[in-house]
């Protein structure tokens, strides 16, 4: 990705997370080339301009913890459950 901004890299990575899979904020940051920028990834997910094509609900906190969601935690839980995830408390499992 020549001359691609961090933001563009993050949105490109997240747009390719397959249905039923998740990545952590830290994994996305690492794949985008800035492993310590996981908070920036969270901020970008919160401001996602295209949630239909950039499935930010598939980005979770470390150790498969739920993390936040701009449209509310309940909406994130429903989307992840529809993709086969089980959520107990704040923890995702298959």
PDB file of N, CA and C in Angstrom:
ATOM      1  N   UNK A   1       0.841  -1.181   0.000  1.00  0.00           N
ATOM      2  CA  UNK A   1       0.000   0.000   0.000  1.00  0.00           C
ATOM      3  C   UNK A   1       0.884   1.241   0.000  1.00  0.00           C
ATOM      4  N   UNK A   2       1.282   1.649  -1.152  1.00  0.00           N
ATOM      5  CA  UNK A   2       2.172   2.784  -1.322  1.00  0.00           C
ATOM      6  C   UNK A   2       1.449   4.089  -1.003  1.00  0.00           C
ATOM      7  N   UNK A   3       2.048   4.898  -0.131  1.00  0.00           N
ATOM      8  CA  UNK A   3       1.487   6.190   0.257  1.00  0.00           C
ATOM      9  C   UNK A   3       0.049   6.105   0.772  1.00  0.00           C
ATOM     10  N   UNK A   4      -0.263   5.048   1.430  1.00  0.00           N
ATOM     11  CA  UNK A   4      -1.595   4.872   1.988  1.00  0.00           C
ATOM     12  C   UNK A   4      -1.567   5.312   3.443  1.00  0.00           C
ATOM     13  N   UNK A   5      -2.552   6.090   3.834  1.00  0.00           N
ATOM     14  CA  UNK A   5      -2.599   6.571   5.210  1.00  0.00           C
ATOM     15  C   UNK A   5      -2.960   5.432   6.162  1.00  0.00           C
ATOM     16  N   UNK A   6      -2.635   5.628   7.429  1.00  0.00           N
ATOM     17  CA  UNK A   6      -2.975   4.644   8.459  1.00  0.00           C
ATOM     18  C   UNK A   6      -4.488   4.382   8.440  1.00  0.00           C
ATOM     19  N   UNK A   7      -5.258   5.434   8.347  1.00  0.00           N
ATOM     20  CA  UNK A   7      -6.714   5.323   8.322  1.00  0.00           C
ATOM     21  C   UNK A   7      -7.176   4.449   7.155  1.00  0.00           C
ATOM     22  N   UNK A   8      -6.639   4.684   5.972  1.00  0.00           N
ATOM     23  CA  UNK A   8      -7.018   3.892   4.801  1.00  0.00           C
ATOM     24  C   UNK A   8      -6.614   2.430   4.979  1.00  0.00           C
ATOM     25  N   UNK A   9      -5.431   2.206   5.553  1.00  0.00           N
ATOM     26  CA  UNK A   9      -4.987   0.835   5.806  1.00  0.00           C
ATOM     27  C   UNK A   9      -5.930   0.132   6.772  1.00  0.00           C
ATOM     28  N   UNK A  10      -6.295   0.810   7.849  1.00  0.00           N
ATOM     29  CA  UNK A  10      -7.183   0.220   8.855  1.00  0.00           C
ATOM     30  C   UNK A  10      -8.531  -0.130   8.234  1.00  0.00           C
ATOM     31  N   UNK A  11      -9.128   0.795   7.507  1.00  0.00           N
ATOM     32  CA  UNK A  11     -10.436   0.515   6.907  1.00  0.00           C
ATOM     33  C   UNK A  11     -10.340  -0.609   5.879  1.00  0.00           C
ATOM     34  N   UNK A  12      -9.238  -0.686   5.140  1.00  0.00           N
ATOM     35  CA  UNK A  12      -9.056  -1.776   4.172  1.00  0.00           C
ATOM     36  C   UNK A  12      -8.943  -3.120   4.880  1.00  0.00           C
ATOM     37  N   UNK A  13      -8.210  -3.163   5.983  1.00  0.00           N
ATOM     38  CA  UNK A  13      -8.048  -4.404   6.754  1.00  0.00           C
ATOM     39  C   UNK A  13      -9.381  -4.844   7.324  1.00  0.00           C
ATOM     40  N   UNK A  14     -10.085  -3.933   7.953  1.00  0.00           N
ATOM     41  CA  UNK A  14     -11.361  -4.272   8.597  1.00  0.00           C
ATOM     42  C   UNK A  14     -12.398  -4.685   7.552  1.00  0.00           C
ATOM     43  N   UNK A  15     -12.359  -4.067   6.388  1.00  0.00           N
ATOM     44  CA  UNK A  15     -13.336  -4.416   5.349  1.00  0.00           C
ATOM     45  C   UNK A  15     -13.155  -5.854   4.863  1.00  0.00           C
ATOM     46  N   UNK A  16     -12.006  -6.454   5.170  1.00  0.00           N
ATOM     47  CA  UNK A  16     -11.748  -7.819   4.715  1.00  0.00           C
ATOM     48  C   UNK A  16     -11.856  -8.869   5.827  1.00  0.00           C
ATOM     49  N   UNK A  17     -12.313  -8.481   7.004  1.00  0.00           N
ATOM     50  CA  UNK A  17     -12.529  -9.467   8.066  1.00  0.00           C
ATOM     51  C   UNK A  17     -13.737 -10.304   7.650  1.00  0.00           C
ATOM     52  N   UNK A  18     -13.543 -11.613   7.498  1.00  0.00           N
ATOM     53  CA  UNK A  18     -14.653 -12.458   7.034  1.00  0.00           C
ATOM     54  C   UNK A  18     -15.797 -12.561   8.041  1.00  0.00           C
ATOM     55  N   UNK A  19     -16.968 -12.809   7.523  1.00  0.00           N
ATOM     56  CA  UNK A  19     -18.151 -13.062   8.337  1.00  0.00           C
ATOM     57  C   UNK A  19     -17.832 -14.145   9.362  1.00  0.00           C
ATOM     58  N   UNK A  20     -18.185 -13.895  10.609  1.00  0.00           N
ATOM     59  CA  UNK A  20     -17.964 -14.881  11.656  1.00  0.00           C
ATOM     60  C   UNK A  20     -16.575 -14.856  12.274  1.00  0.00           C
ATOM     61  N   UNK A  21     -15.736 -13.941  11.837  1.00  0.00           N
ATOM     62  CA  UNK A  21     -14.401 -13.822  12.406  1.00  0.00           C
ATOM     63  C   UNK A  21     -14.238 -12.429  13.016  1.00  0.00           C
ATOM     64  N   UNK A  22     -13.277 -12.300  13.904  1.00  0.00           N
ATOM     65  CA  UNK A  22     -12.976 -11.011  14.522  1.00  0.00           C
ATOM     66  C   UNK A  22     -11.467 -10.808  14.558  1.00  0.00           C
ATOM     67  N   UNK A  23     -11.077  -9.563  14.683  1.00  0.00           N
ATOM     68  CA  UNK A  23      -9.694  -9.177  14.954  1.00  0.00           C
ATOM     69  C   UNK A  23      -9.729  -8.213  16.129  1.00  0.00           C
ATOM     70  N   UNK A  24      -8.665  -8.196  16.903  1.00  0.00           N
ATOM     71  CA  UNK A  24      -8.597  -7.235  17.999  1.00  0.00           C
ATOM     72  C   UNK A  24      -8.109  -5.891  17.458  1.00  0.00           C
ATOM     73  N   UNK A  25      -8.354  -4.842  18.233  1.00  0.00           N
ATOM     74  CA  UNK A  25      -7.861  -3.516  17.862  1.00  0.00           C
ATOM     75  C   UNK A  25      -6.346  -3.578  17.657  1.00  0.00           C
ATOM     76  N   UNK A  26      -5.667  -4.307  18.524  1.00  0.00           N
ATOM     77  CA  UNK A  26      -4.216  -4.426  18.447  1.00  0.00           C
ATOM     78  C   UNK A  26      -3.783  -5.186  17.193  1.00  0.00           C
ATOM     79  N   UNK A  27      -4.508  -6.247  16.829  1.00  0.00           N
ATOM     80  CA  UNK A  27      -4.172  -6.992  15.611  1.00  0.00           C
ATOM     81  C   UNK A  27      -4.335  -6.114  14.376  1.00  0.00           C
ATOM     82  N   UNK A  28      -5.397  -5.329  14.338  1.00  0.00           N
ATOM     83  CA  UNK A  28      -5.618  -4.424  13.205  1.00  0.00           C
ATOM     84  C   UNK A  28      -4.485  -3.402  13.131  1.00  0.00           C
ATOM     85  N   UNK A  29      -4.123  -2.825  14.276  1.00  0.00           N
ATOM     86  CA  UNK A  29      -3.032  -1.842  14.308  1.00  0.00           C
ATOM     87  C   UNK A  29      -1.736  -2.453  13.793  1.00  0.00           C
ATOM     88  N   UNK A  30      -1.444  -3.660  14.228  1.00  0.00           N
ATOM     89  CA  UNK A  30      -0.220  -4.355  13.796  1.00  0.00           C
ATOM     90  C   UNK A  30      -0.252  -4.601  12.285  1.00  0.00           C
ATOM     91  N   UNK A  31      -1.371  -5.092  11.773  1.00  0.00           N
ATOM     92  CA  UNK A  31      -1.495  -5.334  10.333  1.00  0.00           C
ATOM     93  C   UNK A  31      -1.374  -4.049   9.524  1.00  0.00           C
ATOM     94  N   UNK A  32      -1.777  -2.924  10.124  1.00  0.00           N
ATOM     95  CA  UNK A  32      -1.701  -1.622   9.453  1.00  0.00           C
ATOM     96  C   UNK A  32      -0.305  -0.999   9.568  1.00  0.00           C
ATOM     97  N   UNK A  33       0.594  -1.690  10.298  1.00  0.00           N
ATOM     98  CA  UNK A  33       1.970  -1.212  10.385  1.00  0.00           C
ATOM     99  C   UNK A  33       2.296  -0.367  11.595  1.00  0.00           C
ATOM    100  N   UNK A  34       1.352  -0.221  12.524  1.00  0.00           N
ATOM    101  CA  UNK A  34       1.582   0.579  13.730  1.00  0.00           C
ATOM    102  C   UNK A  34       1.060  -0.190  14.945  1.00  0.00           C
ATOM    103  N   UNK A  35       1.825  -1.184  15.417  1.00  0.00           N
ATOM    104  CA  UNK A  35       1.328  -2.091  16.450  1.00  0.00           C
ATOM    105  C   UNK A  35       0.881  -1.444  17.754  1.00  0.00           C
ATOM    106  N   UNK A  36       1.352  -0.258  18.048  1.00  0.00           N
ATOM    107  CA  UNK A  36       0.963   0.395  19.306  1.00  0.00           C
ATOM    108  C   UNK A  36      -0.213   1.367  19.132  1.00  0.00           C
ATOM    109  N   UNK A  37      -0.754   1.431  17.940  1.00  0.00           N
ATOM    110  CA  UNK A  37      -1.816   2.403  17.643  1.00  0.00           C
ATOM    111  C   UNK A  37      -3.214   1.802  17.778  1.00  0.00           C
ATOM    112  N   UNK A  38      -3.381   0.883  18.719  1.00  0.00           N
ATOM    113  CA  UNK A  38      -4.681   0.223  18.859  1.00  0.00           C
ATOM    114  C   UNK A  38      -5.776   1.182  19.313  1.00  0.00           C
ATOM    115  N   UNK A  39      -5.432   2.206  20.101  1.00  0.00           N
ATOM    116  CA  UNK A  39      -6.454   3.202  20.489  1.00  0.00           C
ATOM    117  C   UNK A  39      -6.908   4.003  19.270  1.00  0.00           C
ATOM    118  N   UNK A  40      -5.979   4.280  18.376  1.00  0.00           N
ATOM    119  CA  UNK A  40      -6.332   4.984  17.139  1.00  0.00           C
ATOM    120  C   UNK A  40      -7.271   4.128  16.292  1.00  0.00           C
ATOM    121  N   UNK A  41      -7.048   2.819  16.292  1.00  0.00           N
ATOM    122  CA  UNK A  41      -7.946   1.910  15.572  1.00  0.00           C
ATOM    123  C   UNK A  41      -9.352   2.013  16.175  1.00  0.00           C
ATOM    124  N   UNK A  42      -9.437   1.997  17.494  1.00  0.00           N
ATOM    125  CA  UNK A  42     -10.733   2.132  18.159  1.00  0.00           C
ATOM    126  C   UNK A  42     -11.431   3.431  17.778  1.00  0.00           C
ATOM    127  N   UNK A  43     -10.676   4.497  17.706  1.00  0.00           N
ATOM    128  CA  UNK A  43     -11.236   5.793  17.331  1.00  0.00           C
ATOM    129  C   UNK A  43     -11.740   5.765  15.887  1.00  0.00           C
ATOM    130  N   UNK A  44     -10.975   5.138  15.015  1.00  0.00           N
ATOM    131  CA  UNK A  44     -11.406   5.023  13.620  1.00  0.00           C
ATOM    132  C   UNK A  44     -12.669   4.174  13.504  1.00  0.00           C
ATOM    133  N   UNK A  45     -12.756   3.110  14.298  1.00  0.00           N
ATOM    134  CA  UNK A  45     -13.955   2.272  14.266  1.00  0.00           C
ATOM    135  C   UNK A  45     -15.168   3.065  14.751  1.00  0.00           C
ATOM    136  N   UNK A  46     -14.971   3.888  15.763  1.00  0.00           N
ATOM    137  CA  UNK A  46     -16.058   4.720  16.298  1.00  0.00           C
ATOM    138  C   UNK A  46     -16.564   5.711  15.245  1.00  0.00           C
ATOM    139  N   UNK A  47     -15.663   6.145  14.371  1.00  0.00           N
ATOM    140  CA  UNK A  47     -16.013   7.134  13.340  1.00  0.00           C
ATOM    141  C   UNK A  47     -16.133   6.514  11.952  1.00  0.00           C
ATOM    142  N   UNK A  48     -16.386   5.226  11.896  1.00  0.00           N
ATOM    143  CA  UNK A  48     -16.495   4.493  10.635  1.00  0.00           C
ATOM    144  C   UNK A  48     -17.517   5.153   9.696  1.00  0.00           C
ATOM    145  N   UNK A  49     -17.054   5.583   8.507  1.00  0.00           N
ATOM    146  CA  UNK A  49     -17.963   6.271   7.596  1.00  0.00           C
ATOM    147  C   UNK A  49     -18.853   5.322   6.780  1.00  0.00           C
ATOM    148  N   UNK A  50     -18.547   4.014   6.800  1.00  0.00           N
ATOM    149  CA  UNK A  50     -19.245   3.079   5.927  1.00  0.00           C
ATOM    150  C   UNK A  50     -19.417   1.716   6.600  1.00  0.00           C
ATOM    151  N   UNK A  51     -20.238   1.636   7.660  1.00  0.00           N
ATOM    152  CA  UNK A  51     -20.361   0.378   8.403  1.00  0.00           C
ATOM    153  C   UNK A  51     -20.892  -0.792   7.580  1.00  0.00           C
ATOM    154  N   UNK A  52     -21.536  -0.518   6.473  1.00  0.00           N
ATOM    155  CA  UNK A  52     -22.028  -1.592   5.614  1.00  0.00           C
ATOM    156  C   UNK A  52     -20.865  -2.351   4.963  1.00  0.00           C
ATOM    157  N   UNK A  53     -19.831  -1.632   4.586  1.00  0.00           N
ATOM    158  CA  UNK A  53     -18.683  -2.234   3.902  1.00  0.00           C
ATOM    159  C   UNK A  53     -17.454  -2.377   4.791  1.00  0.00           C
ATOM    160  N   UNK A  54     -17.464  -1.709   5.929  1.00  0.00           N
ATOM    161  CA  UNK A  54     -16.365  -1.795   6.889  1.00  0.00           C
ATOM    162  C   UNK A  54     -16.979  -2.300   8.197  1.00  0.00           C
ATOM    163  N   UNK A  55     -16.996  -3.630   8.393  1.00  0.00           N
ATOM    164  CA  UNK A  55     -17.718  -4.223   9.521  1.00  0.00           C
ATOM    165  C   UNK A  55     -16.998  -4.030  10.860  1.00  0.00           C
ATOM    166  N   UNK A  56     -17.082  -2.822  11.374  1.00  0.00           N
ATOM    167  CA  UNK A  56     -16.355  -2.481  12.600  1.00  0.00           C
ATOM    168  C   UNK A  56     -16.828  -3.276  13.814  1.00  0.00           C
ATOM    169  N   UNK A  57     -18.003  -3.887  13.743  1.00  0.00           N
ATOM    170  CA  UNK A  57     -18.457  -4.729  14.853  1.00  0.00           C
ATOM    171  C   UNK A  57     -17.573  -5.970  15.000  1.00  0.00           C
ATOM    172  N   UNK A  58     -16.791  -6.296  13.975  1.00  0.00           N
ATOM    173  CA  UNK A  58     -15.887  -7.453  14.021  1.00  0.00           C
ATOM    174  C   UNK A  58     -14.529  -7.123  14.623  1.00  0.00           C
ATOM    175  N   UNK A  59     -14.369  -5.905  15.113  1.00  0.00           N
ATOM    176  CA  UNK A  59     -13.137  -5.519  15.803  1.00  0.00           C
ATOM    177  C   UNK A  59     -13.459  -5.490  17.288  1.00  0.00           C
ATOM    178  N   UNK A  60     -12.694  -6.276  18.036  1.00  0.00           N
ATOM    179  CA  UNK A  60     -12.971  -6.461  19.461  1.00  0.00           C
ATOM    180  C   UNK A  60     -11.724  -6.143  20.277  1.00  0.00           C
ATOM    181  N   UNK A  61     -11.897  -6.108  21.579  1.00  0.00           N
ATOM    182  CA  UNK A  61     -10.767  -5.875  22.474  1.00  0.00           C
ATOM    183  C   UNK A  61      -9.903  -7.143  22.563  1.00  0.00           C
ATOM    184  N   UNK A  62      -8.761  -7.026  23.178  1.00  0.00           N
ATOM    185  CA  UNK A  62      -7.851  -8.161  23.339  1.00  0.00           C
ATOM    186  C   UNK A  62      -8.540  -9.309  24.057  1.00  0.00           C
ATOM    187  N   UNK A  63      -8.083 -10.501  23.785  1.00  0.00           N
ATOM    188  CA  UNK A  63      -8.570 -11.733  24.412  1.00  0.00           C
ATOM    189  C   UNK A  63     -10.060 -11.945  24.172  1.00  0.00           C
ATOM    190  N   UNK A  64     -10.521 -11.552  22.981  1.00  0.00           N
ATOM    191  CA  UNK A  64     -11.919 -11.711  22.568  1.00  0.00           C
ATOM    192  C   UNK A  64     -12.925 -11.075  23.522  1.00  0.00           C
ATOM    193  N   UNK A  65     -12.534  -9.946  24.106  1.00  0.00           N
ATOM    194  CA  UNK A  65     -13.495  -9.177  24.908  1.00  0.00           C
ATOM    195  C   UNK A  65     -14.246  -8.253  23.958  1.00  0.00           C
ATOM    196  N   UNK A  66     -15.460  -7.935  24.301  1.00  0.00           N
ATOM    197  CA  UNK A  66     -16.384  -7.250  23.414  1.00  0.00           C
ATOM    198  C   UNK A  66     -15.883  -5.901  22.888  1.00  0.00           C
ATOM    199  N   UNK A  67     -15.438  -5.024  23.742  1.00  0.00           N
ATOM    200  CA  UNK A  67     -15.037  -3.685  23.295  1.00  0.00           C
ATOM    201  C   UNK A  67     -16.264  -2.825  23.016  1.00  0.00           C
ATOM    202  N   UNK A  68     -16.026  -1.630  22.547  1.00  0.00           N
ATOM    203  CA  UNK A  68     -17.115  -0.687  22.314  1.00  0.00           C
ATOM    204  C   UNK A  68     -17.693  -0.793  20.915  1.00  0.00           C
ATOM    205  N   UNK A  69     -18.716   0.024  20.685  1.00  0.00           N
ATOM    206  CA  UNK A  69     -19.373   0.075  19.386  1.00  0.00           C
ATOM    207  C   UNK A  69     -20.138   1.382  19.303  1.00  0.00           C
ATOM    208  N   UNK A  70     -19.958   2.112  18.227  1.00  0.00           N
ATOM    209  CA  UNK A  70     -20.572   3.436  18.085  1.00  0.00           C
ATOM    210  C   UNK A  70     -22.098   3.398  18.165  1.00  0.00           C
ATOM    211  N   UNK A  71     -22.708   2.292  17.770  1.00  0.00           N
ATOM    212  CA  UNK A  71     -24.163   2.181  17.773  1.00  0.00           C
ATOM    213  C   UNK A  71     -24.676   1.424  19.002  1.00  0.00           C
ATOM    214  N   UNK A  72     -23.814   1.268  20.005  1.00  0.00           N
ATOM    215  CA  UNK A  72     -24.219   0.647  21.261  1.00  0.00           C
ATOM    216  C   UNK A  72     -23.801  -0.808  21.382  1.00  0.00           C
ATOM    217  N   UNK A  73     -23.521  -1.207  22.592  1.00  0.00           N
ATOM    218  CA  UNK A  73     -23.050  -2.559  22.878  1.00  0.00           C
ATOM    219  C   UNK A  73     -24.076  -3.614  22.478  1.00  0.00           C
ATOM    220  N   UNK A  74     -25.343  -3.352  22.736  1.00  0.00           N
ATOM    221  CA  UNK A  74     -26.386  -4.322  22.402  1.00  0.00           C
ATOM    222  C   UNK A  74     -26.417  -4.592  20.893  1.00  0.00           C
ATOM    223  N   UNK A  75     -26.264  -3.557  20.094  1.00  0.00           N
ATOM    224  CA  UNK A  75     -26.248  -3.725  18.634  1.00  0.00           C
ATOM    225  C   UNK A  75     -25.044  -4.571  18.208  1.00  0.00           C
ATOM    226  N   UNK A  76     -23.889  -4.345  18.843  1.00  0.00           N
ATOM    227  CA  UNK A  76     -22.693  -5.127  18.520  1.00  0.00           C
ATOM    228  C   UNK A  76     -22.907  -6.593  18.901  1.00  0.00           C
ATOM    229  N   UNK A  77     -23.489  -6.820  20.067  1.00  0.00           N
ATOM    230  CA  UNK A  77     -23.762  -8.189  20.520  1.00  0.00           C
ATOM    231  C   UNK A  77     -24.687  -8.897  19.529  1.00  0.00           C
ATOM    232  N   UNK A  78     -25.750  -8.239  19.105  1.00  0.00           N
ATOM    233  CA  UNK A  78     -26.700  -8.848  18.167  1.00  0.00           C
ATOM    234  C   UNK A  78     -26.026  -9.203  16.844  1.00  0.00           C
ATOM    235  N   UNK A  79     -25.198  -8.301  16.337  1.00  0.00           N
ATOM    236  CA  UNK A  79     -24.504  -8.564  15.070  1.00  0.00           C
ATOM    237  C   UNK A  79     -23.556  -9.755  15.205  1.00  0.00           C
ATOM    238  N   UNK A  80     -22.796  -9.795  16.294  1.00  0.00           N
ATOM    239  CA  UNK A  80     -21.846 -10.893  16.495  1.00  0.00           C
ATOM    240  C   UNK A  80     -22.573 -12.213  16.730  1.00  0.00           C
ATOM    241  N   UNK A  81     -23.667 -12.192  17.463  1.00  0.00           N
ATOM    242  CA  UNK A  81     -24.450 -13.413  17.671  1.00  0.00           C
ATOM    243  C   UNK A  81     -25.015 -13.925  16.346  1.00  0.00           C
ATOM    244  N   UNK A  82     -25.441 -13.020  15.486  1.00  0.00           N
ATOM    245  CA  UNK A  82     -25.962 -13.405  14.175  1.00  0.00           C
ATOM    246  C   UNK A  82     -24.884 -14.064  13.318  1.00  0.00           C
ATOM    247  N   UNK A  83     -23.617 -13.799  13.648  1.00  0.00           N
ATOM    248  CA  UNK A  83     -22.495 -14.385  12.917  1.00  0.00           C
ATOM    249  C   UNK A  83     -21.927 -15.610  13.637  1.00  0.00           C
ATOM    250  N   UNK A  84     -22.637 -16.097  14.659  1.00  0.00           N
ATOM    251  CA  UNK A  84     -22.243 -17.340  15.302  1.00  0.00           C
ATOM    252  C   UNK A  84     -21.471 -17.220  16.604  1.00  0.00           C
ATOM    253  N   UNK A  85     -21.278 -16.019  17.104  1.00  0.00           N
ATOM    254  CA  UNK A  85     -20.549 -15.829  18.357  1.00  0.00           C
ATOM    255  C   UNK A  85     -21.494 -15.947  19.543  1.00  0.00           C
ATOM    256  N   UNK A  86     -20.979 -16.484  20.626  1.00  0.00           N
ATOM    257  CA  UNK A  86     -21.701 -16.493  21.892  1.00  0.00           C
ATOM    258  C   UNK A  86     -21.017 -15.464  22.781  1.00  0.00           C
ATOM    259  N   UNK A  87     -21.816 -14.738  23.531  1.00  0.00           N
ATOM    260  CA  UNK A  87     -21.256 -13.704  24.407  1.00  0.00           C
ATOM    261  C   UNK A  87     -21.758 -13.945  25.826  1.00  0.00           C
ATOM    262  N   UNK A  88     -20.809 -14.129  26.727  1.00  0.00           N
ATOM    263  CA  UNK A  88     -21.120 -14.267  28.147  1.00  0.00           C
ATOM    264  C   UNK A  88     -20.420 -13.144  28.872  1.00  0.00           C
ATOM    265  N   UNK A  89     -21.201 -12.263  29.470  1.00  0.00           N
ATOM    266  CA  UNK A  89     -20.603 -11.094  30.097  1.00  0.00           C
ATOM    267  C   UNK A  89     -19.991 -10.223  29.015  1.00  0.00           C
ATOM    268  N   UNK A  90     -18.687 -10.136  29.025  1.00  0.00           N
ATOM    269  CA  UNK A  90     -17.951  -9.308  28.076  1.00  0.00           C
ATOM    270  C   UNK A  90     -17.073 -10.163  27.159  1.00  0.00           C
ATOM    271  N   UNK A  91     -17.262 -11.477  27.166  1.00  0.00           N
ATOM    272  CA  UNK A  91     -16.352 -12.417  26.498  1.00  0.00           C
ATOM    273  C   UNK A  91     -17.031 -13.103  25.317  1.00  0.00           C
ATOM    274  N   UNK A  92     -16.341 -13.132  24.173  1.00  0.00           N
ATOM    275  CA  UNK A  92     -16.843 -13.805  22.979  1.00  0.00           C
ATOM    276  C   UNK A  92     -16.281 -15.222  22.920  1.00  0.00           C
ATOM    277  N   UNK A  93     -17.096 -16.146  22.437  1.00  0.00           N
ATOM    278  CA  UNK A  93     -16.617 -17.507  22.187  1.00  0.00           C
ATOM    279  C   UNK A  93     -17.441 -18.092  21.057  1.00  0.00           C
ATOM    280  N   UNK A  94     -16.915 -19.118  20.430  1.00  0.00           N
ATOM    281  CA  UNK A  94     -17.606 -19.802  19.325  1.00  0.00           C
ATOM    282  C   UNK A  94     -18.243 -21.053  19.837  1.00  0.00           C
TER     283      UNK A  94
END
